Amino acid sequence: MISNNFGRRENDPVKDRKALATYVELKGYKNGEHGDKLCQNGTAKSSLDEIAKELNISKRNLQRALRIERNVTDSMK
């Protein structure tokens, strides 16, 4: 549902970053993770390239959004 609705309307950049981070986590990608190739539900984990294609954005823009979301402090959220 997140991937279907992403980019359909103009969202707040903060909401976009949060949605991207949530979607990436749901797809099984974690920054710096090198372990198991399966999510907890048994499906294959996705790479950032695959996730970016699904969302129709560049991998670089996805990486930027995730980096910003990771570095935002709680007081800024």
PDB file of N, CA and C in Angstrom:
ATOM      1  N   MET A   1       0.820  -1.185   0.000  1.00  0.00           N
ATOM      2  CA  MET A   1       0.000   0.000   0.000  1.00  0.00           C
ATOM      3  C   MET A   1       0.868   1.254   0.000  1.00  0.00           C
ATOM      4  N   ILE A   2       1.949   1.234   0.767  1.00  0.00           N
ATOM      5  CA  ILE A   2       2.826   2.398   0.798  1.00  0.00           C
ATOM      6  C   ILE A   2       3.409   2.644  -0.583  1.00  0.00           C
ATOM      7  N   SER A   3       3.872   1.580  -1.247  1.00  0.00           N
ATOM      8  CA  SER A   3       4.491   1.762  -2.562  1.00  0.00           C
ATOM      9  C   SER A   3       3.480   2.228  -3.599  1.00  0.00           C
ATOM     10  N   ASN A   4       2.229   1.802  -3.482  1.00  0.00           N
ATOM     11  CA  ASN A   4       1.199   2.225  -4.427  1.00  0.00           C
ATOM     12  C   ASN A   4       0.856   3.694  -4.273  1.00  0.00           C
ATOM     13  N   ASN A   5       0.891   4.202  -3.055  1.00  0.00           N
ATOM     14  CA  ASN A   5       0.488   5.578  -2.795  1.00  0.00           C
ATOM     15  C   ASN A   5       1.647   6.564  -2.810  1.00  0.00           C
ATOM     16  N   PHE A   6       2.873   6.070  -2.752  1.00  0.00           N
ATOM     17  CA  PHE A   6       4.013   6.967  -2.706  1.00  0.00           C
ATOM     18  C   PHE A   6       4.122   7.735  -4.018  1.00  0.00           C
ATOM     19  N   GLY A   7       4.242   9.034  -3.925  1.00  0.00           N
ATOM     20  CA  GLY A   7       4.432   9.862  -5.096  1.00  0.00           C
ATOM     21  C   GLY A   7       3.162  10.258  -5.820  1.00  0.00           C
ATOM     22  N   ARG A   8       2.011   9.806  -5.370  1.00  0.00           N
ATOM     23  CA  ARG A   8       0.762  10.162  -6.043  1.00  0.00           C
ATOM     24  C   ARG A   8       0.310  11.580  -5.734  1.00  0.00           C
ATOM     25  N   ARG A   9       0.720  12.076  -4.596  1.00  0.00           N
ATOM     26  CA  ARG A   9       0.330  13.431  -4.212  1.00  0.00           C
ATOM     27  C   ARG A   9       1.517  14.089  -3.542  1.00  0.00           C
ATOM     28  N   GLU A  10       1.421  15.389  -3.406  1.00  0.00           N
ATOM     29  CA  GLU A  10       2.484  16.124  -2.735  1.00  0.00           C
ATOM     30  C   GLU A  10       2.339  15.945  -1.236  1.00  0.00           C
ATOM     31  N   ASN A  11       3.311  15.311  -0.640  1.00  0.00           N
ATOM     32  CA  ASN A  11       3.327  15.103   0.800  1.00  0.00           C
ATOM     33  C   ASN A  11       4.375  16.002   1.436  1.00  0.00           C
ATOM     34  N   ASP A  12       4.262  16.125   2.720  1.00  0.00           N
ATOM     35  CA  ASP A  12       5.263  16.793   3.520  1.00  0.00           C
ATOM     36  C   ASP A  12       6.551  15.968   3.436  1.00  0.00           C
ATOM     37  N   PRO A  13       7.701  16.588   3.196  1.00  0.00           N
ATOM     38  CA  PRO A  13       8.949  15.824   3.098  1.00  0.00           C
ATOM     39  C   PRO A  13       9.233  14.967   4.336  1.00  0.00           C
ATOM     40  N   VAL A  14       8.833  15.439   5.497  1.00  0.00           N
ATOM     41  CA  VAL A  14       9.039  14.664   6.724  1.00  0.00           C
ATOM     42  C   VAL A  14       8.220  13.381   6.667  1.00  0.00           C
ATOM     43  N   LYS A  15       6.975  13.488   6.215  1.00  0.00           N
ATOM     44  CA  LYS A  15       6.114  12.306   6.094  1.00  0.00           C
ATOM     45  C   LYS A  15       6.657  11.354   5.035  1.00  0.00           C
ATOM     46  N   ASP A  16       7.160  11.903   3.938  1.00  0.00           N
ATOM     47  CA  ASP A  16       7.747  11.070   2.884  1.00  0.00           C
ATOM     48  C   ASP A  16       8.927  10.264   3.414  1.00  0.00           C
ATOM     49  N   ARG A  17       9.827  10.930   4.145  1.00  0.00           N
ATOM     50  CA  ARG A  17      11.000  10.227   4.683  1.00  0.00           C
ATOM     51  C   ARG A  17      10.589   9.142   5.660  1.00  0.00           C
ATOM     52  N   LYS A  18       9.621   9.445   6.513  1.00  0.00           N
ATOM     53  CA  LYS A  18       9.161   8.455   7.489  1.00  0.00           C
ATOM     54  C   LYS A  18       8.530   7.260   6.770  1.00  0.00           C
ATOM     55  N   ALA A  19       7.725   7.536   5.733  1.00  0.00           N
ATOM     56  CA  ALA A  19       7.096   6.458   4.966  1.00  0.00           C
ATOM     57  C   ALA A  19       8.152   5.610   4.257  1.00  0.00           C
ATOM     58  N   LEU A  20       9.160   6.259   3.687  1.00  0.00           N
ATOM     59  CA  LEU A  20      10.241   5.523   3.024  1.00  0.00           C
ATOM     60  C   LEU A  20      10.978   4.628   4.012  1.00  0.00           C
ATOM     61  N   ALA A  21      11.310   5.170   5.176  1.00  0.00           N
ATOM     62  CA  ALA A  21      12.033   4.388   6.183  1.00  0.00           C
ATOM     63  C   ALA A  21      11.202   3.187   6.630  1.00  0.00           C
ATOM     64  N   THR A  22       9.910   3.390   6.819  1.00  0.00           N
ATOM     65  CA  THR A  22       9.021   2.299   7.226  1.00  0.00           C
ATOM     66  C   THR A  22       8.948   1.239   6.138  1.00  0.00           C
ATOM     67  N   TYR A  23       8.784   1.669   4.896  1.00  0.00           N
ATOM     68  CA  TYR A  23       8.678   0.729   3.781  1.00  0.00           C
ATOM     69  C   TYR A  23       9.960  -0.087   3.626  1.00  0.00           C
ATOM     70  N   VAL A  24      11.096   0.586   3.706  1.00  0.00           N
ATOM     71  CA  VAL A  24      12.382  -0.100   3.569  1.00  0.00           C
ATOM     72  C   VAL A  24      12.541  -1.135   4.682  1.00  0.00           C
ATOM     73  N   GLU A  25      12.146  -0.782   5.893  1.00  0.00           N
ATOM     74  CA  GLU A  25      12.229  -1.731   7.008  1.00  0.00           C
ATOM     75  C   GLU A  25      11.303  -2.923   6.778  1.00  0.00           C
ATOM     76  N   LEU A  26      10.092  -2.656   6.280  1.00  0.00           N
ATOM     77  CA  LEU A  26       9.149  -3.741   6.009  1.00  0.00           C
ATOM     78  C   LEU A  26       9.654  -4.679   4.911  1.00  0.00           C
ATOM     79  N   LYS A  27      10.409  -4.133   3.979  1.00  0.00           N
ATOM     80  CA  LYS A  27      10.970  -4.948   2.893  1.00  0.00           C
ATOM     81  C   LYS A  27      12.192  -5.740   3.347  1.00  0.00           C
ATOM     82  N   GLY A  28      12.620  -5.543   4.598  1.00  0.00           N
ATOM     83  CA  GLY A  28      13.686  -6.353   5.153  1.00  0.00           C
ATOM     84  C   GLY A  28      15.075  -5.778   5.046  1.00  0.00           C
ATOM     85  N   TYR A  29      15.212  -4.551   4.554  1.00  0.00           N
ATOM     86  CA  TYR A  29      16.538  -3.954   4.426  1.00  0.00           C
ATOM     87  C   TYR A  29      16.883  -3.202   5.706  1.00  0.00           C
ATOM     88  N   LYS A  30      18.076  -3.457   6.218  1.00  0.00           N
ATOM     89  CA  LYS A  30      18.582  -2.710   7.374  1.00  0.00           C
ATOM     90  C   LYS A  30      19.972  -2.218   7.028  1.00  0.00           C
ATOM     91  N   ASN A  31      20.268  -0.994   7.393  1.00  0.00           N
ATOM     92  CA  ASN A  31      21.559  -0.386   7.089  1.00  0.00           C
ATOM     93  C   ASN A  31      22.701  -1.198   7.689  1.00  0.00           C
ATOM     94  N   GLY A  32      23.626  -1.624   6.837  1.00  0.00           N
ATOM     95  CA  GLY A  32      24.808  -2.331   7.293  1.00  0.00           C
ATOM     96  C   GLY A  32      24.594  -3.788   7.652  1.00  0.00           C
ATOM     97  N   GLU A  33      23.442  -4.339   7.363  1.00  0.00           N
ATOM     98  CA  GLU A  33      23.149  -5.720   7.736  1.00  0.00           C
ATOM     99  C   GLU A  33      23.715  -6.675   6.693  1.00  0.00           C
ATOM    100  N   HIS A  34      24.384  -7.708   7.157  1.00  0.00           N
ATOM    101  CA  HIS A  34      24.995  -8.675   6.236  1.00  0.00           C
ATOM    102  C   HIS A  34      24.585 -10.105   6.538  1.00  0.00           C
ATOM    103  N   GLY A  35      23.584 -10.318   7.343  1.00  0.00           N
ATOM    104  CA  GLY A  35      23.243 -11.664   7.790  1.00  0.00           C
ATOM    105  C   GLY A  35      22.293 -12.389   6.873  1.00  0.00           C
ATOM    106  N   ASP A  36      21.232 -12.894   7.454  1.00  0.00           N
ATOM    107  CA  ASP A  36      20.242 -13.725   6.792  1.00  0.00           C
ATOM    108  C   ASP A  36      19.643 -13.032   5.566  1.00  0.00           C
ATOM    109  N   LYS A  37      19.308 -13.791   4.550  1.00  0.00           N
ATOM    110  CA  LYS A  37      18.730 -13.247   3.320  1.00  0.00           C
ATOM    111  C   LYS A  37      17.208 -13.256   3.324  1.00  0.00           C
ATOM    112  N   LEU A  38      16.593 -13.686   4.423  1.00  0.00           N
ATOM    113  CA  LEU A  38      15.135 -13.743   4.507  1.00  0.00           C
ATOM    114  C   LEU A  38      14.620 -12.826   5.604  1.00  0.00           C
ATOM    115  N   CYS A  39      13.432 -12.244   5.363  1.00  0.00           N
ATOM    116  CA  CYS A  39      12.745 -11.460   6.388  1.00  0.00           C
ATOM    117  C   CYS A  39      12.206 -12.411   7.444  1.00  0.00           C
ATOM    118  N   GLN A  40      11.689 -11.852   8.519  1.00  0.00           N
ATOM    119  CA  GLN A  40      11.107 -12.680   9.571  1.00  0.00           C
ATOM    120  C   GLN A  40       9.930 -13.495   9.058  1.00  0.00           C
ATOM    121  N   ASN A  41       9.203 -12.973   8.060  1.00  0.00           N
ATOM    122  CA  ASN A  41       8.049 -13.700   7.528  1.00  0.00           C
ATOM    123  C   ASN A  41       8.434 -14.717   6.449  1.00  0.00           C
ATOM    124  N   GLY A  42       9.728 -14.887   6.194  1.00  0.00           N
ATOM    125  CA  GLY A  42      10.184 -15.903   5.259  1.00  0.00           C
ATOM    126  C   GLY A  42      10.348 -15.434   3.825  1.00  0.00           C
ATOM    127  N   THR A  43       9.992 -14.193   3.514  1.00  0.00           N
ATOM    128  CA  THR A  43      10.168 -13.679   2.159  1.00  0.00           C
ATOM    129  C   THR A  43      11.587 -13.141   1.996  1.00  0.00           C
ATOM    130  N   ALA A  44      12.042 -13.073   0.763  1.00  0.00           N
ATOM    131  CA  ALA A  44      13.390 -12.593   0.484  1.00  0.00           C
ATOM    132  C   ALA A  44      13.503 -11.103   0.791  1.00  0.00           C
ATOM    133  N   LYS A  45      14.642 -10.717   1.366  1.00  0.00           N
ATOM    134  CA  LYS A  45      14.895  -9.305   1.631  1.00  0.00           C
ATOM    135  C   LYS A  45      15.163  -8.597   0.311  1.00  0.00           C
ATOM    136  N   SER A  46      14.772  -7.338   0.251  1.00  0.00           N
ATOM    137  CA  SER A  46      14.973  -6.540  -0.956  1.00  0.00           C
ATOM    138  C   SER A  46      16.214  -5.670  -0.820  1.00  0.00           C
ATOM    139  N   SER A  47      16.859  -5.404  -1.937  1.00  0.00           N
ATOM    140  CA  SER A  47      17.986  -4.477  -1.946  1.00  0.00           C
ATOM    141  C   SER A  47      17.447  -3.060  -2.125  1.00  0.00           C
ATOM    142  N   LEU A  48      18.291  -2.072  -1.862  1.00  0.00           N
ATOM    143  CA  LEU A  48      17.867  -0.685  -2.066  1.00  0.00           C
ATOM    144  C   LEU A  48      17.544  -0.426  -3.535  1.00  0.00           C
ATOM    145  N   ASP A  49      18.268  -1.070  -4.438  1.00  0.00           N
ATOM    146  CA  ASP A  49      17.980  -0.916  -5.870  1.00  0.00           C
ATOM    147  C   ASP A  49      16.560  -1.374  -6.188  1.00  0.00           C
ATOM    148  N   GLU A  50      16.188  -2.529  -5.666  1.00  0.00           N
ATOM    149  CA  GLU A  50      14.844  -3.070  -5.915  1.00  0.00           C
ATOM    150  C   GLU A  50      13.766  -2.181  -5.304  1.00  0.00           C
ATOM    151  N   ILE A  51      14.009  -1.710  -4.094  1.00  0.00           N
ATOM    152  CA  ILE A  51      13.033  -0.855  -3.414  1.00  0.00           C
ATOM    153  C   ILE A  51      12.872   0.461  -4.166  1.00  0.00           C
ATOM    154  N   ALA A  52      13.979   1.055  -4.602  1.00  0.00           N
ATOM    155  CA  ALA A  52      13.924   2.313  -5.351  1.00  0.00           C
ATOM    156  C   ALA A  52      13.132   2.139  -6.646  1.00  0.00           C
ATOM    157  N   LYS A  53      13.337   1.015  -7.339  1.00  0.00           N
ATOM    158  CA  LYS A  53      12.575   0.749  -8.567  1.00  0.00           C
ATOM    159  C   LYS A  53      11.085   0.645  -8.282  1.00  0.00           C
ATOM    160  N   GLU A  54      10.735  -0.062  -7.195  1.00  0.00           N
ATOM    161  CA  GLU A  54       9.325  -0.207  -6.831  1.00  0.00           C
ATOM    162  C   GLU A  54       8.670   1.145  -6.577  1.00  0.00           C
ATOM    163  N   LEU A  55       9.428   2.070  -5.988  1.00  0.00           N
ATOM    164  CA  LEU A  55       8.891   3.379  -5.626  1.00  0.00           C
ATOM    165  C   LEU A  55       9.094   4.421  -6.720  1.00  0.00           C
ATOM    166  N   ASN A  56       9.762   4.016  -7.799  1.00  0.00           N
ATOM    167  CA  ASN A  56      10.017   4.898  -8.936  1.00  0.00           C
ATOM    168  C   ASN A  56      10.818   6.141  -8.531  1.00  0.00           C
ATOM    169  N   ILE A  57      11.845   5.929  -7.702  1.00  0.00           N
ATOM    170  CA  ILE A  57      12.775   6.990  -7.343  1.00  0.00           C
ATOM    171  C   ILE A  57      14.186   6.444  -7.524  1.00  0.00           C
ATOM    172  N   SER A  58      15.154   7.340  -7.564  1.00  0.00           N
ATOM    173  CA  SER A  58      16.532   6.874  -7.723  1.00  0.00           C
ATOM    174  C   SER A  58      17.042   6.279  -6.413  1.00  0.00           C
ATOM    175  N   LYS A  59      17.983   5.375  -6.546  1.00  0.00           N
ATOM    176  CA  LYS A  59      18.593   4.770  -5.361  1.00  0.00           C
ATOM    177  C   LYS A  59      19.258   5.853  -4.517  1.00  0.00           C
ATOM    178  N   ARG A  60      19.891   6.806  -5.173  1.00  0.00           N
ATOM    179  CA  ARG A  60      20.587   7.896  -4.465  1.00  0.00           C
ATOM    180  C   ARG A  60      19.610   8.720  -3.635  1.00  0.00           C
ATOM    181  N   ASN A  61      18.450   9.074  -4.209  1.00  0.00           N
ATOM    182  CA  ASN A  61      17.461   9.840  -3.449  1.00  0.00           C
ATOM    183  C   ASN A  61      16.907   9.032  -2.282  1.00  0.00           C
ATOM    184  N   LEU A  62      16.745   7.737  -2.483  1.00  0.00           N
ATOM    185  CA  LEU A  62      16.295   6.872  -1.398  1.00  0.00           C
ATOM    186  C   LEU A  62      17.340   6.855  -0.284  1.00  0.00           C
ATOM    187  N   GLN A  63      18.605   6.720  -0.644  1.00  0.00           N
ATOM    188  CA  GLN A  63      19.675   6.723   0.357  1.00  0.00           C
ATOM    189  C   GLN A  63      19.716   8.044   1.119  1.00  0.00           C
ATOM    190  N   ARG A  64      19.558   9.153   0.411  1.00  0.00           N
ATOM    191  CA  ARG A  64      19.558  10.471   1.067  1.00  0.00           C
ATOM    192  C   ARG A  64      18.424  10.581   2.076  1.00  0.00           C
ATOM    193  N   ALA A  65      17.232  10.179   1.665  1.00  0.00           N
ATOM    194  CA  ALA A  65      16.071  10.263   2.557  1.00  0.00           C
ATOM    195  C   ALA A  65      16.271   9.400   3.797  1.00  0.00           C
ATOM    196  N   LEU A  66      16.808   8.207   3.621  1.00  0.00           N
ATOM    197  CA  LEU A  66      17.041   7.315   4.759  1.00  0.00           C
ATOM    198  C   LEU A  66      18.114   7.874   5.690  1.00  0.00           C
ATOM    199  N   ARG A  67      19.158   8.455   5.115  1.00  0.00           N
ATOM    200  CA  ARG A  67      20.221   9.043   5.938  1.00  0.00           C
ATOM    201  C   ARG A  67      19.678  10.207   6.763  1.00  0.00           C
ATOM    202  N   ILE A  68      18.878  11.061   6.146  1.00  0.00           N
ATOM    203  CA  ILE A  68      18.284  12.185   6.874  1.00  0.00           C
ATOM    204  C   ILE A  68      17.378  11.671   7.981  1.00  0.00           C
ATOM    205  N   GLU A  69      16.546  10.701   7.675  1.00  0.00           N
ATOM    206  CA  GLU A  69      15.610  10.157   8.675  1.00  0.00           C
ATOM    207  C   GLU A  69      16.370   9.532   9.846  1.00  0.00           C
ATOM    208  N   ARG A  70      17.463   8.837   9.574  1.00  0.00           N
ATOM    209  CA  ARG A  70      18.258   8.227  10.649  1.00  0.00           C
ATOM    210  C   ARG A  70      18.902   9.275  11.544  1.00  0.00           C
ATOM    211  N   ASN A  71      19.302  10.402  10.946  1.00  0.00           N
ATOM    212  CA  ASN A  71      20.050  11.419  11.683  1.00  0.00           C
ATOM    213  C   ASN A  71      19.181  12.471  12.359  1.00  0.00           C
ATOM    214  N   VAL A  72      17.891  12.449  12.108  1.00  0.00           N
ATOM    215  CA  VAL A  72      16.990  13.411  12.739  1.00  0.00           C
ATOM    216  C   VAL A  72      16.813  13.012  14.200  1.00  0.00           C
ATOM    217  N   THR A  73      17.012  13.963  15.093  1.00  0.00           N
ATOM    218  CA  THR A  73      16.839  13.670  16.517  1.00  0.00           C
ATOM    219  C   THR A  73      15.359  13.668  16.874  1.00  0.00           C
ATOM    220  N   ASP A  74      15.021  13.062  18.000  1.00  0.00           N
ATOM    221  CA  ASP A  74      13.626  12.992  18.438  1.00  0.00           C
ATOM    222  C   ASP A  74      13.010  14.374  18.598  1.00  0.00           C
ATOM    223  N   SER A  75      13.773  15.336  19.062  1.00  0.00           N
ATOM    224  CA  SER A  75      13.227  16.684  19.245  1.00  0.00           C
ATOM    225  C   SER A  75      12.876  17.342  17.913  1.00  0.00           C
ATOM    226  N   MET A  76      13.529  16.900  16.834  1.00  0.00           N
ATOM    227  CA  MET A  76      13.252  17.459  15.515  1.00  0.00           C
ATOM    228  C   MET A  76      12.067  16.781  14.844  1.00  0.00           C
ATOM    229  N   LYS A  77      11.702  15.582  15.314  1.00  0.00           N
ATOM    230  CA  LYS A  77      10.598  14.848  14.709  1.00  0.00           C
ATOM    231  C   LYS A  77       9.337  15.433  15.211  1.00  0.00           C
TER     232      LYS A  77
END
